[in-house]
């Protein structure tokens, strides 16, 4: 009987020791940080991983994630500032479409002060509070920016400004905001198609204008080229005529010099040249009188006749200006 009571007591003591040990020891892993709370009051923060102690039945442990966390903001319509700069084509078209944007954003944050985090919002209300802060910051920052700045010009600057403002507001809860990103910023569906059509029409108008300017420039270039060709040909013809005149003058000078040296031989040579040219080929018949000066060398090799009294080169029959009547051979 005594052995049974002793064994029961030992079992009870062992059970009590296990319960006390389970309530005394706790572990913290690498991804978490622990907040020891004693009767509802935070007394200790543990950030290093490992085995730790607490007072059983009095202290409780709240684990808080120390990794980088994300809070999502659902897509919502934001009213941007009025468009004042219409010098840009896209800005003008955006202004015509209105000032509403559908914005989808998210933020990344880390809990750096578990004690303040627990005392202010706590793990249960963290996502809700941060979502409210993100929406408020989003509307405040984008409400002061124009649509074209949100869509294209200053998107990076606006996201950095949102991050700074959200981080400043979240520090009251022991939270550091690392980044804020606008995932999508677009026009409402009812406005998107109208804006795209306006942009397409405007681009087509610009393209037509550029083509017209190009055609005009091409016509000017062609006209200038044609004018240059005409001027060049005229100058070339003028120079050719001048050169031809100089050649004729030199030729006449040579003929005159040859006639002065030997008029008889010169007249004979010119006549032979004229015979050769006029009787060249087999398709020409000459109908001339036999007593013409043209045939004076046919009757007398010395050319004695009416031509001998000539004293100038004009007495000799020119080699290409004979009075010749030609008729097609039958």
C-alpha atoms as a PDB file:
ATOM      1  CA  UNK A   1       0.000   0.000   0.000  1.00  0.00           C
ATOM      2  CA  UNK A   2       2.832   2.352   0.857  1.00  0.00           C
ATOM      3  CA  UNK A   3       4.609   1.553  -2.438  1.00  0.00           C
ATOM      4  CA  UNK A   4       1.480   2.496  -4.346  1.00  0.00           C
ATOM      5  CA  UNK A   5       1.193   5.836  -2.537  1.00  0.00           C
ATOM      6  CA  UNK A   6       4.876   6.544  -3.111  1.00  0.00           C
ATOM      7  CA  UNK A   7       4.620   5.789  -6.826  1.00  0.00           C
ATOM      8  CA  UNK A   8       1.561   8.009  -7.158  1.00  0.00           C
ATOM      9  CA  UNK A   9       3.298  10.864  -5.380  1.00  0.00           C
ATOM     10  CA  UNK A  10       6.325  10.537  -7.637  1.00  0.00           C
ATOM     11  CA  UNK A  11       4.101  10.553 -10.705  1.00  0.00           C
ATOM     12  CA  UNK A  12       2.316  13.660  -9.472  1.00  0.00           C
ATOM     13  CA  UNK A  13       5.637  15.367  -8.746  1.00  0.00           C
ATOM     14  CA  UNK A  14       6.916  14.462 -12.193  1.00  0.00           C
ATOM     15  CA  UNK A  15       3.765  15.811 -13.762  1.00  0.00           C
ATOM     16  CA  UNK A  16       4.097  19.031 -11.810  1.00  0.00           C
ATOM     17  CA  UNK A  17       7.767  19.314 -12.850  1.00  0.00           C
ATOM     18  CA  UNK A  18       6.845  18.828 -16.506  1.00  0.00           C
ATOM     19  CA  UNK A  19       4.124  21.449 -16.284  1.00  0.00           C
ATOM     20  CA  UNK A  20       6.430  23.885 -14.514  1.00  0.00           C
ATOM     21  CA  UNK A  21       9.231  23.221 -16.997  1.00  0.00           C
ATOM     22  CA  UNK A  22       6.884  23.702 -19.932  1.00  0.00           C
ATOM     23  CA  UNK A  23       5.732  26.979 -18.463  1.00  0.00           C
ATOM     24  CA  UNK A  24       9.283  28.115 -17.651  1.00  0.00           C
ATOM     25  CA  UNK A  25      11.223  27.398 -20.841  1.00  0.00           C
ATOM     26  CA  UNK A  26      10.435  28.743 -24.313  1.00  0.00           C
ATOM     27  CA  UNK A  27      12.341  29.107 -27.573  1.00  0.00           C
ATOM     28  CA  UNK A  28      12.656  31.922 -30.066  1.00  0.00           C
ATOM     29  CA  UNK A  29      13.441  31.017 -33.705  1.00  0.00           C
ATOM     30  CA  UNK A  30      15.346  33.050 -36.307  1.00  0.00           C
ATOM     31  CA  UNK A  31      12.309  34.620 -37.921  1.00  0.00           C
ATOM     32  CA  UNK A  32      10.642  35.864 -34.740  1.00  0.00           C
ATOM     33  CA  UNK A  33      11.147  38.100 -31.751  1.00  0.00           C
ATOM     34  CA  UNK A  34       9.492  37.473 -28.384  1.00  0.00           C
ATOM     35  CA  UNK A  35       7.786  39.873 -25.971  1.00  0.00           C
ATOM     36  CA  UNK A  36       7.492  38.618 -22.389  1.00  0.00           C
ATOM     37  CA  UNK A  37       4.332  39.940 -20.761  1.00  0.00           C
ATOM     38  CA  UNK A  38       3.857  39.722 -16.991  1.00  0.00           C
ATOM     39  CA  UNK A  39       0.259  40.058 -15.882  1.00  0.00           C
ATOM     40  CA  UNK A  40      -0.529  42.105 -18.999  1.00  0.00           C
ATOM     41  CA  UNK A  41       2.526  44.345 -18.782  1.00  0.00           C
ATOM     42  CA  UNK A  42       5.434  43.915 -21.242  1.00  0.00           C
ATOM     43  CA  UNK A  43       8.651  43.395 -19.302  1.00  0.00           C
ATOM     44  CA  UNK A  44      11.202  42.032 -21.757  1.00  0.00           C
ATOM     45  CA  UNK A  45      11.937  41.870 -25.473  1.00  0.00           C
ATOM     46  CA  UNK A  46      13.971  38.988 -26.881  1.00  0.00           C
ATOM     47  CA  UNK A  47      15.310  39.370 -30.402  1.00  0.00           C
ATOM     48  CA  UNK A  48      18.038  36.706 -30.425  1.00  0.00           C
ATOM     49  CA  UNK A  49      17.035  33.140 -31.262  1.00  0.00           C
ATOM     50  CA  UNK A  50      17.518  30.408 -28.653  1.00  0.00           C
ATOM     51  CA  UNK A  51      16.165  28.986 -25.362  1.00  0.00           C
ATOM     52  CA  UNK A  52      14.863  31.415 -22.742  1.00  0.00           C
ATOM     53  CA  UNK A  53      13.192  31.409 -19.304  1.00  0.00           C
ATOM     54  CA  UNK A  54      10.067  32.999 -17.888  1.00  0.00           C
ATOM     55  CA  UNK A  55       8.077  32.794 -14.699  1.00  0.00           C
ATOM     56  CA  UNK A  56       5.484  30.066 -15.115  1.00  0.00           C
ATOM     57  CA  UNK A  57       1.795  30.896 -14.743  1.00  0.00           C
ATOM     58  CA  UNK A  58       2.668  34.606 -14.453  1.00  0.00           C
ATOM     59  CA  UNK A  59       4.587  35.481 -17.591  1.00  0.00           C
ATOM     60  CA  UNK A  60       3.283  34.927 -21.112  1.00  0.00           C
ATOM     61  CA  UNK A  61       5.163  35.125 -24.396  1.00  0.00           C
ATOM     62  CA  UNK A  62       3.930  36.904 -27.532  1.00  0.00           C
ATOM     63  CA  UNK A  63       5.813  36.096 -30.726  1.00  0.00           C
ATOM     64  CA  UNK A  64       6.152  38.866 -33.283  1.00  0.00           C
ATOM     65  CA  UNK A  65       7.487  38.307 -36.800  1.00  0.00           C
ATOM     66  CA  UNK A  66      10.682  40.239 -37.517  1.00  0.00           C
ATOM     67  CA  UNK A  67      10.773  39.530 -41.239  1.00  0.00           C
ATOM     68  CA  UNK A  68       9.797  41.936 -43.992  1.00  0.00           C
ATOM     69  CA  UNK A  69       6.002  42.007 -44.180  1.00  0.00           C
ATOM     70  CA  UNK A  70       3.613  43.249 -46.864  1.00  0.00           C
ATOM     71  CA  UNK A  71       0.362  45.148 -46.677  1.00  0.00           C
ATOM     72  CA  UNK A  72      -1.818  45.356 -49.799  1.00  0.00           C
ATOM     73  CA  UNK A  73      -4.061  48.239 -50.789  1.00  0.00           C
ATOM     74  CA  UNK A  74      -6.986  47.205 -53.014  1.00  0.00           C
ATOM     75  CA  UNK A  75      -7.533  49.033 -56.294  1.00  0.00           C
ATOM     76  CA  UNK A  76      -9.334  52.298 -55.662  1.00  0.00           C
ATOM     77  CA  UNK A  77     -10.161  55.494 -57.509  1.00  0.00           C
ATOM     78  CA  UNK A  78      -8.049  58.525 -56.662  1.00  0.00           C
ATOM     79  CA  UNK A  79      -8.765  62.082 -57.778  1.00  0.00           C
ATOM     80  CA  UNK A  80      -5.566  63.759 -58.923  1.00  0.00           C
ATOM     81  CA  UNK A  81      -4.857  67.472 -59.178  1.00  0.00           C
ATOM     82  CA  UNK A  82      -6.107  69.516 -62.133  1.00  0.00           C
ATOM     83  CA  UNK A  83      -3.912  69.381 -65.222  1.00  0.00           C
ATOM     84  CA  UNK A  84      -2.341  72.804 -65.723  1.00  0.00           C
ATOM     85  CA  UNK A  85       0.426  72.102 -68.244  1.00  0.00           C
ATOM     86  CA  UNK A  86      -1.046  71.374 -71.660  1.00  0.00           C
ATOM     87  CA  UNK A  87       2.152  71.911 -73.617  1.00  0.00           C
ATOM     88  CA  UNK A  88       2.590  68.157 -73.785  1.00  0.00           C
ATOM     89  CA  UNK A  89       0.298  66.235 -76.101  1.00  0.00           C
ATOM     90  CA  UNK A  90      -0.352  63.344 -73.706  1.00  0.00           C
ATOM     91  CA  UNK A  91      -0.978  65.759 -70.849  1.00  0.00           C
ATOM     92  CA  UNK A  92      -3.595  67.561 -72.916  1.00  0.00           C
ATOM     93  CA  UNK A  93      -5.364  64.324 -73.778  1.00  0.00           C
ATOM     94  CA  UNK A  94      -5.258  63.164 -70.169  1.00  0.00           C
ATOM     95  CA  UNK A  95      -6.747  66.455 -69.056  1.00  0.00           C
ATOM     96  CA  UNK A  96      -9.604  65.950 -71.474  1.00  0.00           C
ATOM     97  CA  UNK A  97     -10.307  62.526 -69.974  1.00  0.00           C
ATOM     98  CA  UNK A  98     -10.777  63.786 -66.409  1.00  0.00           C
ATOM     99  CA  UNK A  99      -8.691  63.560 -63.223  1.00  0.00           C
ATOM    100  CA  UNK A 100      -9.619  60.134 -61.867  1.00  0.00           C
ATOM    101  CA  UNK A 101      -7.188  57.244 -61.633  1.00  0.00           C
ATOM    102  CA  UNK A 102      -7.536  53.638 -60.501  1.00  0.00           C
ATOM    103  CA  UNK A 103      -4.517  52.992 -58.270  1.00  0.00           C
ATOM    104  CA  UNK A 104      -3.330  49.675 -56.850  1.00  0.00           C
ATOM    105  CA  UNK A 105      -0.454  49.920 -54.323  1.00  0.00           C
ATOM    106  CA  UNK A 106       1.333  47.934 -51.616  1.00  0.00           C
ATOM    107  CA  UNK A 107       3.814  48.624 -48.817  1.00  0.00           C
ATOM    108  CA  UNK A 108       6.589  46.597 -47.194  1.00  0.00           C
ATOM    109  CA  UNK A 109       7.314  47.110 -43.509  1.00  0.00           C
ATOM    110  CA  UNK A 110       9.174  45.617 -40.552  1.00  0.00           C
ATOM    111  CA  UNK A 111       8.297  45.649 -36.811  1.00  0.00           C
ATOM    112  CA  UNK A 112      11.322  47.175 -35.086  1.00  0.00           C
ATOM    113  CA  UNK A 113       9.897  47.977 -31.615  1.00  0.00           C
ATOM    114  CA  UNK A 114       7.800  45.024 -30.335  1.00  0.00           C
ATOM    115  CA  UNK A 115       7.026  46.745 -27.027  1.00  0.00           C
ATOM    116  CA  UNK A 116       5.550  49.863 -28.689  1.00  0.00           C
ATOM    117  CA  UNK A 117       3.839  47.697 -31.289  1.00  0.00           C
ATOM    118  CA  UNK A 118       2.131  45.655 -28.577  1.00  0.00           C
ATOM    119  CA  UNK A 119       1.124  48.692 -26.528  1.00  0.00           C
ATOM    120  CA  UNK A 120      -0.370  50.639 -29.473  1.00  0.00           C
ATOM    121  CA  UNK A 121      -2.108  48.474 -32.075  1.00  0.00           C
ATOM    122  CA  UNK A 122      -1.091  44.887 -31.331  1.00  0.00           C
ATOM    123  CA  UNK A 123      -0.753  42.024 -33.780  1.00  0.00           C
ATOM    124  CA  UNK A 124      -4.478  41.748 -34.429  1.00  0.00           C
ATOM    125  CA  UNK A 125      -5.006  45.317 -35.577  1.00  0.00           C
ATOM    126  CA  UNK A 126      -1.714  45.901 -37.385  1.00  0.00           C
ATOM    127  CA  UNK A 127      -2.908  45.104 -40.910  1.00  0.00           C
ATOM    128  CA  UNK A 128      -6.080  47.145 -40.540  1.00  0.00           C
ATOM    129  CA  UNK A 129      -4.285  50.189 -39.166  1.00  0.00           C
ATOM    130  CA  UNK A 130      -1.529  50.091 -41.749  1.00  0.00           C
ATOM    131  CA  UNK A 131      -4.073  49.665 -44.574  1.00  0.00           C
ATOM    132  CA  UNK A 132      -5.870  52.812 -43.370  1.00  0.00           C
ATOM    133  CA  UNK A 133      -2.582  54.717 -43.171  1.00  0.00           C
ATOM    134  CA  UNK A 134      -1.564  53.532 -46.662  1.00  0.00           C
ATOM    135  CA  UNK A 135      -4.889  54.582 -48.203  1.00  0.00           C
ATOM    136  CA  UNK A 136      -4.745  57.963 -46.499  1.00  0.00           C
ATOM    137  CA  UNK A 137      -1.165  58.575 -47.629  1.00  0.00           C
ATOM    138  CA  UNK A 138      -1.982  57.412 -51.144  1.00  0.00           C
ATOM    139  CA  UNK A 139      -4.886  59.839 -51.521  1.00  0.00           C
ATOM    140  CA  UNK A 140      -2.983  62.722 -49.937  1.00  0.00           C
ATOM    141  CA  UNK A 141       0.145  62.412 -52.095  1.00  0.00           C
ATOM    142  CA  UNK A 142      -1.573  61.611 -55.402  1.00  0.00           C
ATOM    143  CA  UNK A 143      -4.185  64.298 -54.765  1.00  0.00           C
ATOM    144  CA  UNK A 144      -1.462  66.939 -55.048  1.00  0.00           C
ATOM    145  CA  UNK A 145       0.032  65.457 -58.255  1.00  0.00           C
ATOM    146  CA  UNK A 146      -1.204  65.691 -61.816  1.00  0.00           C
ATOM    147  CA  UNK A 147      -2.275  62.653 -63.784  1.00  0.00           C
ATOM    148  CA  UNK A 148       0.672  62.814 -66.146  1.00  0.00           C
ATOM    149  CA  UNK A 149       3.059  62.911 -63.147  1.00  0.00           C
ATOM    150  CA  UNK A 150       1.447  59.818 -61.636  1.00  0.00           C
ATOM    151  CA  UNK A 151       1.370  57.896 -64.882  1.00  0.00           C
ATOM    152  CA  UNK A 152       4.793  58.800 -66.233  1.00  0.00           C
ATOM    153  CA  UNK A 153       6.765  61.875 -65.246  1.00  0.00           C
ATOM    154  CA  UNK A 154       7.244  61.691 -61.448  1.00  0.00           C
ATOM    155  CA  UNK A 155       6.143  58.230 -60.445  1.00  0.00           C
ATOM    156  CA  UNK A 156       9.344  57.326 -58.636  1.00  0.00           C
ATOM    157  CA  UNK A 157       9.387  60.615 -56.710  1.00  0.00           C
ATOM    158  CA  UNK A 158       5.751  60.181 -55.686  1.00  0.00           C
ATOM    159  CA  UNK A 159       6.366  56.645 -54.399  1.00  0.00           C
ATOM    160  CA  UNK A 160       9.362  57.856 -52.395  1.00  0.00           C
ATOM    161  CA  UNK A 161       7.233  60.638 -50.899  1.00  0.00           C
ATOM    162  CA  UNK A 162       4.517  58.143 -49.985  1.00  0.00           C
ATOM    163  CA  UNK A 163       7.082  55.900 -48.316  1.00  0.00           C
ATOM    164  CA  UNK A 164       8.475  58.763 -46.226  1.00  0.00           C
ATOM    165  CA  UNK A 165       5.061  59.953 -45.070  1.00  0.00           C
ATOM    166  CA  UNK A 166       3.813  56.447 -44.294  1.00  0.00           C
ATOM    167  CA  UNK A 167       7.019  55.622 -42.429  1.00  0.00           C
ATOM    168  CA  UNK A 168       6.684  58.753 -40.318  1.00  0.00           C
ATOM    169  CA  UNK A 169       3.099  57.851 -39.388  1.00  0.00           C
ATOM    170  CA  UNK A 170       3.914  54.180 -38.707  1.00  0.00           C
ATOM    171  CA  UNK A 171       6.824  54.901 -36.344  1.00  0.00           C
ATOM    172  CA  UNK A 172       4.269  55.679 -33.615  1.00  0.00           C
ATOM    173  CA  UNK A 173       3.409  51.964 -33.677  1.00  0.00           C
ATOM    174  CA  UNK A 174       7.001  50.655 -33.666  1.00  0.00           C
ATOM    175  CA  UNK A 175       6.964  49.953 -37.394  1.00  0.00           C
ATOM    176  CA  UNK A 176       9.470  50.976 -40.078  1.00  0.00           C
ATOM    177  CA  UNK A 177       8.113  51.228 -43.636  1.00  0.00           C
ATOM    178  CA  UNK A 178      10.774  50.047 -46.072  1.00  0.00           C
ATOM    179  CA  UNK A 179       9.075  50.653 -49.425  1.00  0.00           C
ATOM    180  CA  UNK A 180       5.820  51.739 -51.032  1.00  0.00           C
ATOM    181  CA  UNK A 181       5.058  50.820 -54.626  1.00  0.00           C
ATOM    182  CA  UNK A 182       2.283  51.716 -57.046  1.00  0.00           C
ATOM    183  CA  UNK A 183       1.567  48.467 -58.822  1.00  0.00           C
ATOM    184  CA  UNK A 184      -0.898  49.954 -61.314  1.00  0.00           C
ATOM    185  CA  UNK A 185      -2.152  53.456 -62.085  1.00  0.00           C
ATOM    186  CA  UNK A 186      -4.641  53.588 -64.916  1.00  0.00           C
ATOM    187  CA  UNK A 187      -7.730  55.409 -66.081  1.00  0.00           C
ATOM    188  CA  UNK A 188     -11.151  54.065 -65.201  1.00  0.00           C
ATOM    189  CA  UNK A 189     -12.443  51.649 -67.807  1.00  0.00           C
ATOM    190  CA  UNK A 190     -15.074  54.062 -69.091  1.00  0.00           C
ATOM    191  CA  UNK A 191     -12.383  56.662 -69.850  1.00  0.00           C
ATOM    192  CA  UNK A 192      -9.563  54.462 -71.141  1.00  0.00           C
ATOM    193  CA  UNK A 193     -11.005  53.722 -74.576  1.00  0.00           C
ATOM    194  CA  UNK A 194     -11.868  57.376 -75.194  1.00  0.00           C
ATOM    195  CA  UNK A 195      -8.347  58.473 -74.235  1.00  0.00           C
ATOM    196  CA  UNK A 196      -6.725  55.842 -76.451  1.00  0.00           C
ATOM    197  CA  UNK A 197      -8.875  56.863 -79.418  1.00  0.00           C
ATOM    198  CA  UNK A 198      -7.983  60.521 -78.928  1.00  0.00           C
ATOM    199  CA  UNK A 199      -4.305  59.656 -78.712  1.00  0.00           C
ATOM    200  CA  UNK A 200      -4.534  57.508 -81.845  1.00  0.00           C
ATOM    201  CA  UNK A 201      -6.314  60.271 -83.773  1.00  0.00           C
ATOM    202  CA  UNK A 202      -3.758  62.841 -82.648  1.00  0.00           C
ATOM    203  CA  UNK A 203      -0.856  60.598 -83.622  1.00  0.00           C
ATOM    204  CA  UNK A 204      -2.401  60.020 -87.049  1.00  0.00           C
ATOM    205  CA  UNK A 205      -2.799  63.773 -87.498  1.00  0.00           C
ATOM    206  CA  UNK A 206       0.850  64.321 -86.569  1.00  0.00           C
ATOM    207  CA  UNK A 207       1.934  61.536 -88.932  1.00  0.00           C
ATOM    208  CA  UNK A 208      -0.029  63.104 -91.803  1.00  0.00           C
ATOM    209  CA  UNK A 209       1.519  66.479 -91.029  1.00  0.00           C
ATOM    210  CA  UNK A 210       5.022  65.003 -91.003  1.00  0.00           C
ATOM    211  CA  UNK A 211       4.352  63.217 -94.316  1.00  0.00           C
ATOM    212  CA  UNK A 212       3.103  66.458 -95.874  1.00  0.00           C
ATOM    213  CA  UNK A 213       6.191  68.300 -94.656  1.00  0.00           C
ATOM    214  CA  UNK A 214       8.381  65.514 -96.014  1.00  0.00           C
ATOM    215  CA  UNK A 215       6.630  65.599 -99.404  1.00  0.00           C
ATOM    216  CA  UNK A 216       7.058  69.372 -99.563  1.00  0.00           C
ATOM    217  CA  UNK A 217      10.737  69.065 -98.694  1.00  0.00           C
ATOM    218  CA  UNK A 218      11.187  66.331-101.304  1.00  0.00           C
ATOM    219  CA  UNK A 219       9.518  68.521-103.935  1.00  0.00           C
ATOM    220  CA  UNK A 220      11.819  71.407-103.042  1.00  0.00           C
ATOM    221  CA  UNK A 221      14.846  69.134-103.339  1.00  0.00           C
ATOM    222  CA  UNK A 222      13.665  67.794-106.715  1.00  0.00           C
ATOM    223  CA  UNK A 223      12.996  71.338-108.008  1.00  0.00           C
ATOM    224  CA  UNK A 224      16.450  72.457-106.904  1.00  0.00           C
ATOM    225  CA  UNK A 225      18.018  69.387-108.521  1.00  0.00           C
ATOM    226  CA  UNK A 226      16.147  70.020-111.791  1.00  0.00           C
ATOM    227  CA  UNK A 227      17.219  73.656-111.722  1.00  0.00           C
ATOM    228  CA  UNK A 228      20.822  72.660-111.094  1.00  0.00           C
ATOM    229  CA  UNK A 229      20.660  70.158-113.964  1.00  0.00           C
ATOM    230  CA  UNK A 230      19.245  72.799-116.328  1.00  0.00           C
ATOM    231  CA  UNK A 231      21.895  75.322-115.314  1.00  0.00           C
ATOM    232  CA  UNK A 232      24.661  72.736-115.647  1.00  0.00           C
ATOM    233  CA  UNK A 233      23.476  71.649-119.115  1.00  0.00           C
ATOM    234  CA  UNK A 234      23.162  75.258-120.246  1.00  0.00           C
ATOM    235  CA  UNK A 235      26.666  76.038-119.009  1.00  0.00           C
ATOM    236  CA  UNK A 236      27.983  72.884-120.678  1.00  0.00           C
ATOM    237  CA  UNK A 237      26.289  73.789-123.991  1.00  0.00           C
ATOM    238  CA  UNK A 238      27.650  77.320-123.773  1.00  0.00           C
ATOM    239  CA  UNK A 239      31.133  76.026-123.120  1.00  0.00           C
ATOM    240  CA  UNK A 240      30.752  73.485-125.961  1.00  0.00           C
ATOM    241  CA  UNK A 241      29.662  76.203-128.381  1.00  0.00           C
ATOM    242  CA  UNK A 242      32.588  78.358-127.318  1.00  0.00           C
ATOM    243  CA  UNK A 243      34.987  75.447-127.762  1.00  0.00           C
ATOM    244  CA  UNK A 244      33.404  74.582-131.132  1.00  0.00           C
ATOM    245  CA  UNK A 245      33.771  78.211-132.270  1.00  0.00           C
ATOM    246  CA  UNK A 246      37.392  78.235-131.217  1.00  0.00           C
ATOM    247  CA  UNK A 247      37.920  74.990-133.116  1.00  0.00           C
ATOM    248  CA  UNK A 248      36.260  76.386-136.240  1.00  0.00           C
ATOM    249  CA  UNK A 249      38.413  79.499-135.977  1.00  0.00           C
ATOM    250  CA  UNK A 250      41.560  77.400-135.675  1.00  0.00           C
ATOM    251  CA  UNK A 251      40.389  75.218-138.577  1.00  0.00           C
ATOM    252  CA  UNK A 252      39.797  78.232-140.799  1.00  0.00           C
ATOM    253  CA  UNK A 253      43.197  79.586-139.814  1.00  0.00           C
ATOM    254  CA  UNK A 254      44.809  76.280-140.784  1.00  0.00           C
ATOM    255  CA  UNK A 255      42.878  76.224-144.103  1.00  0.00           C
ATOM    256  CA  UNK A 256      43.972  79.793-144.854  1.00  0.00           C
ATOM    257  CA  UNK A 257      47.572  78.948-144.013  1.00  0.00           C
ATOM    258  CA  UNK A 258      47.455  75.859-146.242  1.00  0.00           C
ATOM    259  CA  UNK A 259      45.908  77.858-149.099  1.00  0.00           C
ATOM    260  CA  UNK A 260      48.615  80.489-148.770  1.00  0.00           C
ATOM    261  CA  UNK A 261      51.352  77.875-149.088  1.00  0.00           C
ATOM    262  CA  UNK A 262      49.969  76.037-152.187  1.00  0.00           C
ATOM    263  CA  UNK A 263      46.599  77.173-153.566  1.00  0.00           C
ATOM    264  CA  UNK A 264      46.520  74.635-156.388  1.00  0.00           C
ATOM    265  CA  UNK A 265      47.152  71.611-154.166  1.00  0.00           C
ATOM    266  CA  UNK A 266      44.731  72.944-151.608  1.00  0.00           C
ATOM    267  CA  UNK A 267      41.987  73.262-154.230  1.00  0.00           C
ATOM    268  CA  UNK A 268      42.769  69.761-155.514  1.00  0.00           C
ATOM    269  CA  UNK A 269      42.675  68.260-152.025  1.00  0.00           C
ATOM    270  CA  UNK A 270      39.379  69.937-151.193  1.00  0.00           C
ATOM    271  CA  UNK A 271      37.815  68.741-154.433  1.00  0.00           C
ATOM    272  CA  UNK A 272      38.953  65.146-153.819  1.00  0.00           C
ATOM    273  CA  UNK A 273      37.403  65.310-150.367  1.00  0.00           C
ATOM    274  CA  UNK A 274      34.202  66.635-151.847  1.00  0.00           C
ATOM    275  CA  UNK A 275      34.107  63.785-154.430  1.00  0.00           C
ATOM    276  CA  UNK A 276      34.646  61.234-151.677  1.00  0.00           C
ATOM    277  CA  UNK A 277      31.841  62.598-149.500  1.00  0.00           C
ATOM    278  CA  UNK A 278      29.314  63.083-152.305  1.00  0.00           C
ATOM    279  CA  UNK A 279      29.847  59.642-153.847  1.00  0.00           C
ATOM    280  CA  UNK A 280      30.087  57.741-150.623  1.00  0.00           C
ATOM    281  CA  UNK A 281      27.835  54.676-150.598  1.00  0.00           C
ATOM    282  CA  UNK A 282      25.892  53.061-153.445  1.00  0.00           C
ATOM    283  CA  UNK A 283      22.454  54.599-152.947  1.00  0.00           C
ATOM    284  CA  UNK A 284      22.988  58.112-154.343  1.00  0.00           C
ATOM    285  CA  UNK A 285      22.817  59.407-157.937  1.00  0.00           C
ATOM    286  CA  UNK A 286      24.188  62.839-158.848  1.00  0.00           C
ATOM    287  CA  UNK A 287      22.242  64.878-161.355  1.00  0.00           C
ATOM    288  CA  UNK A 288      24.631  67.718-162.300  1.00  0.00           C
ATOM    289  CA  UNK A 289      25.675  69.495-165.452  1.00  0.00           C
ATOM    290  CA  UNK A 290      28.975  68.257-166.926  1.00  0.00           C
ATOM    291  CA  UNK A 291      30.378  71.760-167.260  1.00  0.00           C
ATOM    292  CA  UNK A 292      30.112  72.624-163.581  1.00  0.00           C
ATOM    293  CA  UNK A 293      33.241  73.601-161.701  1.00  0.00           C
ATOM    294  CA  UNK A 294      32.616  70.610-159.460  1.00  0.00           C
ATOM    295  CA  UNK A 295      33.860  68.236-162.215  1.00  0.00           C
ATOM    296  CA  UNK A 296      36.824  70.302-163.430  1.00  0.00           C
ATOM    297  CA  UNK A 297      39.341  67.682-162.294  1.00  0.00           C
ATOM    298  CA  UNK A 298      37.512  64.990-164.237  1.00  0.00           C
ATOM    299  CA  UNK A 299      38.382  66.611-167.588  1.00  0.00           C
ATOM    300  CA  UNK A 300      41.808  67.970-166.659  1.00  0.00           C
ATOM    301  CA  UNK A 301      43.950  66.538-163.832  1.00  0.00           C
ATOM    302  CA  UNK A 302      45.493  69.927-163.291  1.00  0.00           C
ATOM    303  CA  UNK A 303      42.069  71.442-162.737  1.00  0.00           C
ATOM    304  CA  UNK A 304      42.555  74.022-165.496  1.00  0.00           C
ATOM    305  CA  UNK A 305      39.337  75.775-166.143  1.00  0.00           C
ATOM    306  CA  UNK A 306      37.186  78.461-164.661  1.00  0.00           C
ATOM    307  CA  UNK A 307      38.385  77.719-161.146  1.00  0.00           C
ATOM    308  CA  UNK A 308      42.058  78.523-161.828  1.00  0.00           C
ATOM    309  CA  UNK A 309      41.369  82.222-161.888  1.00  0.00           C
ATOM    310  CA  UNK A 310      40.297  82.026-158.232  1.00  0.00           C
ATOM    311  CA  UNK A 311      42.572  83.664-155.758  1.00  0.00           C
ATOM    312  CA  UNK A 312      40.881  82.747-152.477  1.00  0.00           C
ATOM    313  CA  UNK A 313      40.004  79.564-150.694  1.00  0.00           C
ATOM    314  CA  UNK A 314      36.372  80.208-151.573  1.00  0.00           C
ATOM    315  CA  UNK A 315      37.192  79.336-155.231  1.00  0.00           C
ATOM    316  CA  UNK A 316      37.665  75.729-154.218  1.00  0.00           C
ATOM    317  CA  UNK A 317      34.444  73.828-153.757  1.00  0.00           C
ATOM    318  CA  UNK A 318      33.888  73.251-150.024  1.00  0.00           C
ATOM    319  CA  UNK A 319      33.997  69.625-149.090  1.00  0.00           C
ATOM    320  CA  UNK A 320      30.564  69.600-147.394  1.00  0.00           C
ATOM    321  CA  UNK A 321      28.702  72.482-149.121  1.00  0.00           C
ATOM    322  CA  UNK A 322      28.584  71.459-152.848  1.00  0.00           C
ATOM    323  CA  UNK A 323      25.477  72.297-154.823  1.00  0.00           C
ATOM    324  CA  UNK A 324      24.458  68.685-155.201  1.00  0.00           C
ATOM    325  CA  UNK A 325      21.025  67.398-156.132  1.00  0.00           C
ATOM    326  CA  UNK A 326      20.535  63.908-154.820  1.00  0.00           C
ATOM    327  CA  UNK A 327      17.831  61.399-155.563  1.00  0.00           C
ATOM    328  CA  UNK A 328      17.274  57.933-154.220  1.00  0.00           C
ATOM    329  CA  UNK A 329      18.679  55.174-156.375  1.00  0.00           C
ATOM    330  CA  UNK A 330      16.082  53.047-158.133  1.00  0.00           C
END
